Amino acid sequence: MNLEVHNWGLNVCNVEIDAITASSVFLIGDNDEMILSSFFDTPPEAFTVGAIVPLAP
């Protein structure tokens, strides 16, 4: 995904952060490149493949 944002004339005077989640990004200023990644750390034996309970016909 390519995203281009122009915030010309934007002034930040005061910032209050009430909560942070596991996948948060807080950025003030310029950056040339932002690389985001994620991973799923649940062990393979915890996956349930298929229906958990039989479905009625």
N, C-alpha and C. Protein backbone atom coordinates (compact mmCIF):
# COMPACT_ATOMS: atom_id res chain seq x y z
N MET A 1 0.85 -1.16 0.00
CA MET A 1 0.00 0.00 0.00
C MET A 1 0.89 1.22 0.00
N ASN A 2 0.62 2.13 -0.88
CA ASN A 2 1.32 3.42 -0.90
C ASN A 2 0.35 4.47 -0.41
N LEU A 3 0.75 5.21 0.60
CA LEU A 3 -0.08 6.25 1.20
C LEU A 3 0.73 7.54 1.25
N GLU A 4 0.19 8.60 0.71
CA GLU A 4 0.86 9.89 0.73
C GLU A 4 -0.04 10.89 1.42
N VAL A 5 0.45 11.51 2.48
CA VAL A 5 -0.33 12.46 3.28
C VAL A 5 0.43 13.77 3.31
N HIS A 6 -0.28 14.88 3.11
CA HIS A 6 0.31 16.21 3.19
C HIS A 6 -0.39 16.97 4.32
N ASN A 7 0.34 17.31 5.33
CA ASN A 7 -0.19 18.08 6.46
C ASN A 7 0.48 19.45 6.49
N TRP A 8 0.37 20.17 5.40
CA TRP A 8 1.00 21.49 5.34
C TRP A 8 0.34 22.43 6.36
N GLY A 9 1.15 23.11 7.12
CA GLY A 9 0.64 24.07 8.09
C GLY A 9 0.12 23.43 9.36
N LEU A 10 0.44 22.18 9.62
CA LEU A 10 -0.03 21.50 10.83
C LEU A 10 0.93 21.82 11.98
N ASN A 11 0.39 22.31 13.08
CA ASN A 11 1.18 22.62 14.27
C ASN A 11 0.65 21.79 15.43
N VAL A 12 1.55 21.09 16.11
CA VAL A 12 1.19 20.28 17.28
C VAL A 12 1.71 21.00 18.51
N CYS A 13 0.79 21.40 19.40
CA CYS A 13 1.20 22.12 20.60
C CYS A 13 1.20 21.23 21.83
N ASN A 14 0.17 20.41 21.98
CA ASN A 14 0.04 19.58 23.18
C ASN A 14 -0.55 18.24 22.78
N VAL A 15 0.00 17.17 23.35
CA VAL A 15 -0.48 15.81 23.05
C VAL A 15 -0.78 15.11 24.35
N GLU A 16 -1.96 14.51 24.44
CA GLU A 16 -2.32 13.67 25.58
C GLU A 16 -2.66 12.29 25.06
N ILE A 17 -2.02 11.27 25.61
CA ILE A 17 -2.29 9.88 25.22
C ILE A 17 -2.90 9.19 26.42
N ASP A 18 -4.13 8.70 26.25
CA ASP A 18 -4.83 8.04 27.35
C ASP A 18 -4.59 6.54 27.39
N ALA A 19 -4.41 5.90 26.25
CA ALA A 19 -4.24 4.45 26.21
C ALA A 19 -3.37 4.07 25.01
N ILE A 20 -2.71 2.95 25.15
CA ILE A 20 -1.87 2.41 24.09
C ILE A 20 -2.31 0.96 23.86
N THR A 21 -2.47 0.58 22.59
CA THR A 21 -2.80 -0.81 22.28
C THR A 21 -1.55 -1.52 21.78
N ALA A 22 -1.69 -2.80 21.53
CA ALA A 22 -0.54 -3.60 21.11
C ALA A 22 -0.03 -3.21 19.73
N SER A 23 -0.88 -2.65 18.90
CA SER A 23 -0.44 -2.29 17.54
C SER A 23 -0.66 -0.80 17.32
N SER A 24 0.09 0.02 18.04
CA SER A 24 -0.07 1.47 17.96
C SER A 24 1.13 2.11 17.29
N VAL A 25 0.87 3.18 16.57
CA VAL A 25 1.94 4.00 16.01
C VAL A 25 1.61 5.44 16.34
N PHE A 26 2.54 6.14 16.97
CA PHE A 26 2.38 7.55 17.28
C PHE A 26 3.58 8.27 16.68
N LEU A 27 3.33 9.12 15.71
CA LEU A 27 4.42 9.76 15.00
C LEU A 27 4.09 11.23 14.81
N ILE A 28 5.01 12.07 15.22
CA ILE A 28 4.94 13.50 14.92
C ILE A 28 6.24 13.85 14.23
N GLY A 29 6.13 14.36 13.05
CA GLY A 29 7.32 14.70 12.30
C GLY A 29 7.34 14.02 10.96
N ASP A 30 8.47 14.07 10.31
CA ASP A 30 8.62 13.52 8.96
C ASP A 30 9.32 12.17 9.03
N ASN A 31 8.94 11.32 8.10
CA ASN A 31 9.69 10.08 7.90
C ASN A 31 9.62 9.73 6.43
N ASP A 32 10.65 9.10 5.94
CA ASP A 32 10.71 8.72 4.53
C ASP A 32 10.05 7.38 4.28
N GLU A 33 10.18 6.47 5.23
CA GLU A 33 9.68 5.13 5.02
C GLU A 33 9.23 4.55 6.35
N MET A 34 8.14 3.82 6.32
CA MET A 34 7.62 3.17 7.52
C MET A 34 7.35 1.72 7.16
N ILE A 35 7.99 0.80 7.83
CA ILE A 35 7.82 -0.62 7.55
C ILE A 35 7.09 -1.25 8.73
N LEU A 36 5.92 -1.78 8.45
CA LEU A 36 5.10 -2.41 9.48
C LEU A 36 5.08 -3.91 9.26
N SER A 37 5.11 -4.67 10.34
CA SER A 37 5.03 -6.12 10.22
C SER A 37 4.29 -6.67 11.43
N SER A 38 3.83 -7.88 11.30
CA SER A 38 3.14 -8.53 12.41
C SER A 38 3.42 -10.02 12.35
N PHE A 39 3.17 -10.69 13.45
CA PHE A 39 3.33 -12.13 13.49
C PHE A 39 2.26 -12.72 14.40
N PHE A 40 2.02 -13.97 14.21
CA PHE A 40 1.00 -14.68 15.00
C PHE A 40 1.73 -15.71 15.82
N ASP A 41 1.73 -15.57 17.15
CA ASP A 41 2.57 -16.42 17.98
C ASP A 41 1.83 -17.58 18.66
N THR A 42 0.66 -17.94 18.17
CA THR A 42 -0.05 -19.08 18.73
C THR A 42 0.57 -20.36 18.19
N PRO A 43 0.83 -21.35 19.04
CA PRO A 43 1.45 -22.59 18.54
C PRO A 43 0.51 -23.33 17.59
N PRO A 44 1.07 -24.05 16.61
CA PRO A 44 0.24 -24.73 15.60
C PRO A 44 -0.77 -25.70 16.20
N GLU A 45 -0.46 -26.34 17.31
CA GLU A 45 -1.39 -27.31 17.90
C GLU A 45 -2.62 -26.65 18.52
N ALA A 46 -2.63 -25.33 18.64
CA ALA A 46 -3.78 -24.62 19.20
C ALA A 46 -4.81 -24.29 18.12
N PHE A 47 -4.46 -24.46 16.84
CA PHE A 47 -5.40 -24.15 15.76
C PHE A 47 -6.47 -25.22 15.65
N THR A 48 -7.69 -24.82 15.37
CA THR A 48 -8.77 -25.74 15.07
C THR A 48 -9.10 -25.57 13.60
N VAL A 49 -8.88 -26.62 12.83
CA VAL A 49 -9.15 -26.57 11.40
C VAL A 49 -10.48 -27.28 11.17
N GLY A 50 -11.41 -26.61 10.53
CA GLY A 50 -12.72 -27.20 10.29
C GLY A 50 -13.72 -26.73 11.33
N ALA A 51 -14.89 -27.33 11.30
CA ALA A 51 -15.95 -26.95 12.24
C ALA A 51 -15.64 -27.49 13.63
N ILE A 52 -15.90 -26.70 14.65
CA ILE A 52 -15.68 -27.15 16.02
C ILE A 52 -16.78 -28.11 16.45
N VAL A 53 -18.00 -27.81 16.08
CA VAL A 53 -19.14 -28.69 16.38
C VAL A 53 -19.77 -29.10 15.05
N PRO A 54 -20.36 -30.30 14.98
CA PRO A 54 -20.98 -30.70 13.72
C PRO A 54 -22.15 -29.77 13.39
N LEU A 55 -22.25 -29.40 12.13
CA LEU A 55 -23.32 -28.52 11.67
C LEU A 55 -24.50 -29.37 11.23
N ALA A 56 -25.71 -28.92 11.49
CA ALA A 56 -26.91 -29.65 11.08
C ALA A 56 -27.03 -29.58 9.56
N PRO A 57 -27.52 -30.67 8.92
CA PRO A 57 -27.66 -30.67 7.47
C PRO A 57 -28.73 -29.70 6.99
